[in-house]
Amino acid sequence: MQDLKPIRVFLEVASQQSFVRAAKALHMTPATVTRIIARLEADLGRQLLLRTTRQVSLTSAGALIAARYRPLIAEFDRVLDELSTDAKPHQGRLSVNAPMSFGQRLMPKLVESFRLAYPNIELVIRLTDQLVDIIQEDCDLAIRISGPPRDKSTIWRKVCKIPRYMVASKGFFNLHPRPDTPDQLNRKTCLSYAQSKEPEIWSLKRGSIKRSVTSGSHLVGNNGDFLHAMVRADAGIAVLPEFIVANGLQDGSLEHVLPEWRVLPLWLSLYYPPYEALPPLVATFTDFFEAFLADIDGFHFDTN
């Protein structure tokens, strides 16, 4: 801004300790810089700089003004940058957090499509299955596959349901009896997905009947692809999202366990810091993300 120009020129001279070097950095002539500093000193009624043939140094008044104004100007410029980014929803930098398996399987194609559509938006993608502190991690938005959110300080946006299936390999039932009811599940061969050491709870439904089954604690993993690999190695039964097991169910290498019992789905949600309104960059990614998933089989957009 024009009214801040004398202060900016003064801070540059103080930083460079030279009128000539400051003029070069500011793309001005030394005479112009000298004139601006002289006018600023006249307006303030204080000498701010000591000029010698070798260098320029600050007076006590100049040191005080530099110390007070430098952080204010830096913060003012940061706000201007944010406002400039908000005014350009197709330009800027966006940090996104996503679950590991979802990120590895679906995010590469999504990100490449997004980059083709918005080449001036820089993306930072971080993958983790753990629920992050979105404010502490300085993240613009996160993708989560989970149950209902418990964090009331953030904003959650339901996107779609993620069906899950109880599955085992074909070879598993050559080694173990096939269960006909939830009570016949052997906990030692039930693999748990969990972030803690505690076994997973499987919520099952058949018609109007609901059952909760505590899975096993003999093998607890915090990554869906790891458990999927264990299932394919005939190591046990697991409950996994459709996007992980769909190919195996289609080619017959995996099969449904207790197919008459439906595993309750999870939600794919976006969650954000407590914005008063979504910043334009975040809104742009949100709209693209939902449109991209709507074109992929296996994502159910019944949000009731």
Protein backbone atom coordinates (compact mmCIF):
# COMPACT_ATOMS: atom_id res chain seq x y z
CA MET A 1 0.00 0.00 0.00
CA GLN A 2 1.19 3.54 -0.81
CA ASP A 3 0.94 4.84 2.78
CA LEU A 4 3.30 2.09 4.00
CA LYS A 5 5.89 2.75 1.31
CA PRO A 6 8.13 5.06 3.43
CA ILE A 7 8.22 2.47 6.24
CA ARG A 8 9.02 -0.32 3.77
CA VAL A 9 11.84 1.76 2.26
CA PHE A 10 13.20 2.57 5.73
CA LEU A 11 13.15 -1.11 6.78
CA GLU A 12 14.97 -2.10 3.59
CA VAL A 13 17.68 0.52 4.14
CA ALA A 14 18.03 -0.63 7.75
CA SER A 15 18.31 -4.23 6.63
CA GLN A 16 20.80 -3.53 3.83
CA GLN A 17 22.72 -0.88 5.80
CA SER A 18 23.09 0.92 2.50
CA PHE A 19 20.99 3.32 0.45
CA VAL A 20 22.47 1.95 -2.79
CA ARG A 21 21.78 -1.71 -1.98
CA ALA A 22 18.28 -0.86 -0.71
CA ALA A 23 17.55 1.08 -3.90
CA LYS A 24 18.64 -1.89 -5.98
CA ALA A 25 16.47 -4.32 -3.98
CA LEU A 26 13.48 -1.98 -4.26
CA HIS A 27 14.07 -1.20 -7.95
CA MET A 28 14.44 2.52 -7.19
CA THR A 29 17.15 5.06 -7.66
CA PRO A 30 19.36 5.96 -4.66
CA ALA A 31 18.15 9.56 -4.94
CA THR A 32 14.51 8.44 -4.59
CA VAL A 33 15.33 6.32 -1.54
CA THR A 34 17.22 9.21 0.04
CA ARG A 35 14.30 11.58 -0.59
CA ILE A 36 11.74 9.16 0.93
CA ILE A 37 13.85 8.64 4.07
CA ALA A 38 14.39 12.40 4.48
CA ARG A 39 10.64 13.02 4.20
CA LEU A 40 9.90 10.25 6.74
CA GLU A 41 12.39 11.69 9.21
CA ALA A 42 10.86 15.15 8.72
CA ASP A 43 7.35 13.81 9.32
CA LEU A 44 8.43 11.99 12.50
CA GLY A 45 10.69 14.80 13.73
CA ARG A 46 13.41 12.24 14.49
CA GLN A 47 16.61 11.18 12.81
CA LEU A 48 16.31 7.47 12.03
CA LEU A 49 19.57 6.71 10.24
CA LEU A 50 23.22 7.68 10.72
CA ARG A 51 24.99 8.07 7.39
CA THR A 52 28.72 7.58 7.02
CA THR A 53 30.86 7.07 3.96
CA ARG A 54 31.08 3.34 4.69
CA GLN A 55 27.69 2.29 6.03
CA VAL A 56 24.29 3.31 7.32
CA SER A 57 23.28 2.51 10.90
CA LEU A 58 20.21 3.06 13.04
CA THR A 59 19.76 5.75 15.63
CA SER A 60 18.01 4.79 18.85
CA ALA A 61 14.74 6.15 17.42
CA GLY A 62 15.34 4.23 14.16
CA ALA A 63 16.06 1.00 16.05
CA LEU A 64 12.83 1.40 18.03
CA ILE A 65 10.72 2.02 14.91
CA ALA A 66 12.38 -0.88 13.04
CA ALA A 67 11.76 -3.27 15.94
CA ARG A 68 8.09 -2.24 16.22
CA TYR A 69 7.23 -2.01 12.52
CA ARG A 70 9.08 -5.01 11.06
CA PRO A 71 6.76 -7.70 12.58
CA LEU A 72 3.69 -5.57 11.83
CA ILE A 73 4.62 -5.23 8.16
CA ALA A 74 5.40 -8.97 7.94
CA GLU A 75 2.01 -9.87 9.42
CA PHE A 76 0.25 -7.35 7.18
CA ASP A 77 1.91 -8.92 4.11
CA ARG A 78 0.90 -12.39 5.27
CA VAL A 79 -2.74 -11.30 5.52
CA LEU A 80 -2.55 -9.75 2.06
CA ASP A 81 -1.22 -13.05 0.70
CA GLU A 82 -4.11 -14.94 2.31
CA LEU A 83 -6.64 -12.52 0.89
CA SER A 84 -5.03 -12.81 -2.52
CA THR A 85 -5.26 -16.62 -2.32
CA ASP A 86 -8.91 -16.47 -1.23
CA ALA A 87 -9.70 -14.29 -4.20
CA LYS A 88 -8.15 -16.89 -6.54
CA PRO A 89 -9.83 -20.27 -5.89
CA HIS A 90 -7.76 -21.87 -8.69
CA GLN A 91 -4.37 -20.76 -7.43
CA GLY A 92 -2.49 -21.46 -4.22
CA ARG A 93 -1.29 -24.29 -1.98
CA LEU A 94 -3.51 -26.94 -0.38
CA SER A 95 -2.60 -29.50 2.29
CA VAL A 96 -4.74 -32.68 2.37
CA ASN A 97 -4.60 -35.63 4.76
CA ALA A 98 -6.04 -39.02 3.71
CA PRO A 99 -6.19 -42.62 5.02
CA MET A 100 -3.33 -44.84 3.87
CA SER A 101 -5.19 -47.51 1.84
CA PHE A 102 -7.64 -45.01 0.34
CA GLY A 103 -4.75 -42.71 -0.49
CA GLN A 104 -2.64 -45.37 -2.16
CA ARG A 105 -5.49 -46.86 -4.18
CA LEU A 106 -7.58 -43.85 -5.19
CA MET A 107 -5.69 -40.62 -4.55
CA PRO A 108 -3.08 -40.93 -7.36
CA LYS A 109 -5.72 -40.87 -10.09
CA LEU A 110 -7.77 -38.24 -8.26
CA VAL A 111 -4.72 -36.02 -7.70
CA GLU A 112 -3.59 -36.32 -11.31
CA SER A 113 -7.07 -35.41 -12.56
CA PHE A 114 -7.18 -32.47 -10.14
CA ARG A 115 -3.77 -31.23 -11.29
CA LEU A 116 -4.89 -31.35 -14.91
CA ALA A 117 -8.00 -29.34 -14.04
CA TYR A 118 -6.21 -26.88 -11.72
CA PRO A 119 -2.53 -26.68 -12.71
CA ASN A 120 -1.90 -23.60 -10.54
CA ILE A 121 -2.90 -25.27 -7.27
CA GLU A 122 -0.02 -26.88 -5.38
CA LEU A 123 -0.94 -30.00 -3.38
CA VAL A 124 0.62 -31.49 -0.27
CA ILE A 125 -0.78 -35.01 0.35
CA ARG A 126 -0.10 -36.77 3.65
CA LEU A 127 -1.30 -40.34 4.25
CA THR A 128 -2.07 -41.76 7.68
CA ASP A 129 -4.77 -44.00 9.10
CA GLN A 130 -4.68 -42.16 12.41
CA LEU A 131 -7.11 -39.31 13.05
CA VAL A 132 -4.94 -36.22 12.97
CA ASP A 133 -5.31 -33.00 14.90
CA ILE A 134 -6.15 -30.97 11.82
CA ILE A 135 -5.33 -27.65 13.47
CA GLN A 136 -2.06 -28.78 15.05
CA GLU A 137 -0.96 -30.43 11.78
CA ASP A 138 -1.66 -27.23 9.79
CA CYS A 139 -3.90 -29.15 7.38
CA ASP A 140 -6.53 -27.52 5.16
CA LEU A 141 -8.80 -30.57 5.08
CA ALA A 142 -8.72 -34.27 5.84
CA ILE A 143 -10.42 -37.30 4.31
CA ARG A 144 -11.65 -39.83 6.86
CA ILE A 145 -13.30 -43.24 6.73
CA SER A 146 -14.83 -43.80 10.13
CA GLY A 147 -17.91 -43.90 12.28
CA PRO A 148 -19.74 -40.76 13.45
CA PRO A 149 -17.32 -37.96 14.43
CA ARG A 150 -16.78 -37.16 18.09
CA ASP A 151 -14.73 -34.00 17.65
CA LYS A 152 -17.17 -31.10 17.97
CA SER A 153 -14.54 -28.40 17.38
CA THR A 154 -14.10 -29.24 13.69
CA ILE A 155 -16.45 -29.24 10.69
CA TRP A 156 -17.48 -32.64 9.27
CA ARG A 157 -19.04 -33.13 5.85
CA LYS A 158 -20.51 -36.54 5.01
CA VAL A 159 -19.64 -37.52 1.44
CA CYS A 160 -20.81 -41.11 0.99
CA LYS A 161 -21.18 -44.51 2.61
CA ILE A 162 -18.33 -47.01 2.45
CA PRO A 163 -19.73 -50.58 2.36
CA ARG A 164 -17.72 -53.22 4.20
CA TYR A 165 -17.68 -57.00 3.87
CA MET A 166 -16.57 -59.87 6.06
CA VAL A 167 -14.23 -61.83 3.83
CA ALA A 168 -11.87 -64.78 3.77
CA SER A 169 -9.80 -66.47 1.08
CA LYS A 170 -10.94 -69.61 -0.71
CA GLY A 171 -8.02 -71.50 0.83
CA PHE A 172 -8.89 -70.45 4.38
CA PHE A 173 -11.92 -72.75 4.49
CA ASN A 174 -9.79 -75.70 3.43
CA LEU A 175 -8.10 -75.30 6.81
CA HIS A 176 -10.94 -74.06 9.04
CA PRO A 177 -14.65 -74.81 9.42
CA ARG A 178 -17.05 -72.39 7.78
CA PRO A 179 -19.19 -70.46 10.32
CA ASP A 180 -22.96 -70.40 9.79
CA THR A 181 -23.76 -67.86 12.52
CA PRO A 182 -21.88 -65.02 14.21
CA ASP A 183 -21.58 -67.19 17.34
CA GLN A 184 -19.52 -69.70 15.36
CA LEU A 185 -16.81 -67.18 14.46
CA ASN A 186 -13.48 -68.23 15.98
CA ARG A 187 -11.93 -65.13 17.50
CA LYS A 188 -8.44 -66.56 16.98
CA THR A 189 -8.92 -66.36 13.22
CA CYS A 190 -10.73 -62.99 13.18
CA LEU A 191 -8.31 -60.23 12.24
CA SER A 192 -8.88 -56.81 13.79
CA TYR A 193 -8.46 -53.37 12.29
CA ALA A 194 -7.71 -50.90 15.10
CA GLN A 195 -5.42 -48.00 15.97
CA SER A 196 -5.04 -49.31 19.53
CA LYS A 197 -4.29 -52.74 20.95
CA GLU A 198 -7.96 -53.41 21.57
CA PRO A 199 -9.80 -55.79 19.18
CA GLU A 200 -12.26 -54.42 16.65
CA ILE A 201 -16.03 -54.54 17.18
CA TRP A 202 -17.96 -55.81 14.14
CA SER A 203 -21.51 -54.45 13.87
CA LEU A 204 -23.68 -56.90 11.94
CA LYS A 205 -27.29 -56.80 10.81
CA ARG A 206 -29.70 -59.37 9.36
CA GLY A 207 -33.13 -57.93 8.72
CA SER A 208 -34.15 -56.28 11.98
CA ILE A 209 -31.64 -58.30 14.04
CA LYS A 210 -28.41 -56.57 15.06
CA ARG A 211 -25.34 -58.20 16.54
CA SER A 212 -22.02 -56.87 17.81
CA VAL A 213 -19.12 -59.28 17.58
CA THR A 214 -15.78 -58.67 19.26
CA SER A 215 -13.12 -59.64 16.77
CA GLY A 216 -9.84 -61.32 17.69
CA SER A 217 -6.83 -59.94 19.47
CA HIS A 218 -4.35 -62.47 18.08
CA LEU A 219 -3.66 -60.15 15.14
CA VAL A 220 -4.52 -56.43 15.30
CA GLY A 221 -3.41 -54.19 12.45
CA ASN A 222 -3.83 -50.49 11.72
CA ASN A 223 -3.83 -50.72 7.92
CA GLY A 224 -6.49 -52.21 5.66
CA ASP A 225 -4.09 -53.33 2.93
CA PHE A 226 -1.99 -55.21 5.47
CA LEU A 227 -5.06 -57.09 6.73
CA HIS A 228 -6.14 -57.71 3.13
CA ALA A 229 -2.75 -59.29 2.42
CA MET A 230 -3.10 -61.48 5.53
CA VAL A 231 -6.56 -62.61 4.39
CA ARG A 232 -5.23 -63.51 0.95
CA ALA A 233 -2.49 -65.52 2.67
CA ASP A 234 -5.22 -67.70 4.30
CA ALA A 235 -4.45 -66.18 7.72
CA GLY A 236 -8.00 -65.35 8.80
CA ILE A 237 -11.26 -63.47 8.37
CA ALA A 238 -11.44 -59.68 8.27
CA VAL A 239 -13.98 -56.90 7.77
CA LEU A 240 -12.68 -54.58 5.06
CA PRO A 241 -14.01 -51.75 2.86
CA GLU A 242 -15.43 -52.59 -0.54
CA PHE A 243 -12.77 -50.61 -2.41
CA ILE A 244 -10.10 -52.94 -0.96
CA VAL A 245 -11.84 -56.30 -1.50
CA ALA A 246 -13.94 -55.65 -4.64
CA ASN A 247 -11.45 -57.17 -7.10
CA GLY A 248 -10.93 -60.28 -4.96
CA LEU A 249 -14.66 -60.85 -4.61
CA GLN A 250 -15.08 -60.38 -8.36
CA ASP A 251 -12.31 -62.77 -9.42
CA GLY A 252 -13.28 -65.36 -6.78
CA SER A 253 -10.06 -65.29 -4.76
CA LEU A 254 -12.06 -63.92 -1.82
CA GLU A 255 -15.53 -64.85 -0.63
CA HIS A 256 -18.14 -63.43 1.68
CA VAL A 257 -18.31 -64.86 5.18
CA LEU A 258 -21.83 -64.99 6.67
CA PRO A 259 -23.25 -63.38 3.49
CA GLU A 260 -26.76 -63.15 4.99
CA TRP A 261 -25.36 -60.80 7.65
CA ARG A 262 -24.63 -57.25 6.50
CA VAL A 263 -21.71 -55.39 8.04
CA LEU A 264 -22.76 -51.84 8.89
CA PRO A 265 -20.99 -49.35 6.60
CA LEU A 266 -18.64 -46.58 7.56
CA TRP A 267 -18.78 -43.00 6.31
CA LEU A 268 -16.33 -41.29 4.04
CA SER A 269 -16.24 -37.73 5.36
CA LEU A 270 -14.28 -34.57 4.84
CA TYR A 271 -13.37 -32.63 7.90
CA TYR A 272 -11.96 -29.18 8.22
CA PRO A 273 -10.64 -26.71 10.77
CA PRO A 274 -13.42 -24.54 12.26
CA TYR A 275 -13.72 -22.21 9.25
CA GLU A 276 -16.51 -19.63 9.31
CA ALA A 277 -16.85 -20.44 5.59
CA LEU A 278 -14.85 -22.82 3.41
CA PRO A 279 -11.91 -20.99 1.82
CA PRO A 280 -12.19 -20.98 -1.99
CA LEU A 281 -9.28 -23.42 -2.46
CA VAL A 282 -10.84 -25.88 -0.01
CA ALA A 283 -14.26 -25.51 -1.61
CA THR A 284 -12.73 -26.12 -5.07
CA PHE A 285 -11.08 -29.37 -3.91
CA THR A 286 -14.22 -30.47 -2.05
CA ASP A 287 -16.42 -30.09 -5.13
CA PHE A 288 -13.89 -31.88 -7.34
CA PHE A 289 -13.45 -34.69 -4.80
CA GLU A 290 -17.17 -35.41 -4.58
CA ALA A 291 -17.63 -35.29 -8.36
CA PHE A 292 -14.67 -37.63 -8.86
CA LEU A 293 -15.99 -40.25 -6.41
CA ALA A 294 -19.49 -40.07 -7.92
CA ASP A 295 -18.02 -41.49 -11.14
CA ILE A 296 -16.42 -44.50 -9.40
CA ASP A 297 -18.34 -47.72 -8.76
CA GLY A 298 -18.58 -48.77 -5.12
CA PHE A 299 -19.21 -45.35 -3.57
CA HIS A 300 -22.77 -44.94 -2.32
CA PHE A 301 -24.06 -41.39 -2.16
CA ASP A 302 -27.21 -42.10 -0.15
CA THR A 303 -26.47 -39.79 2.80
CA ASN A 304 -29.61 -40.52 4.79
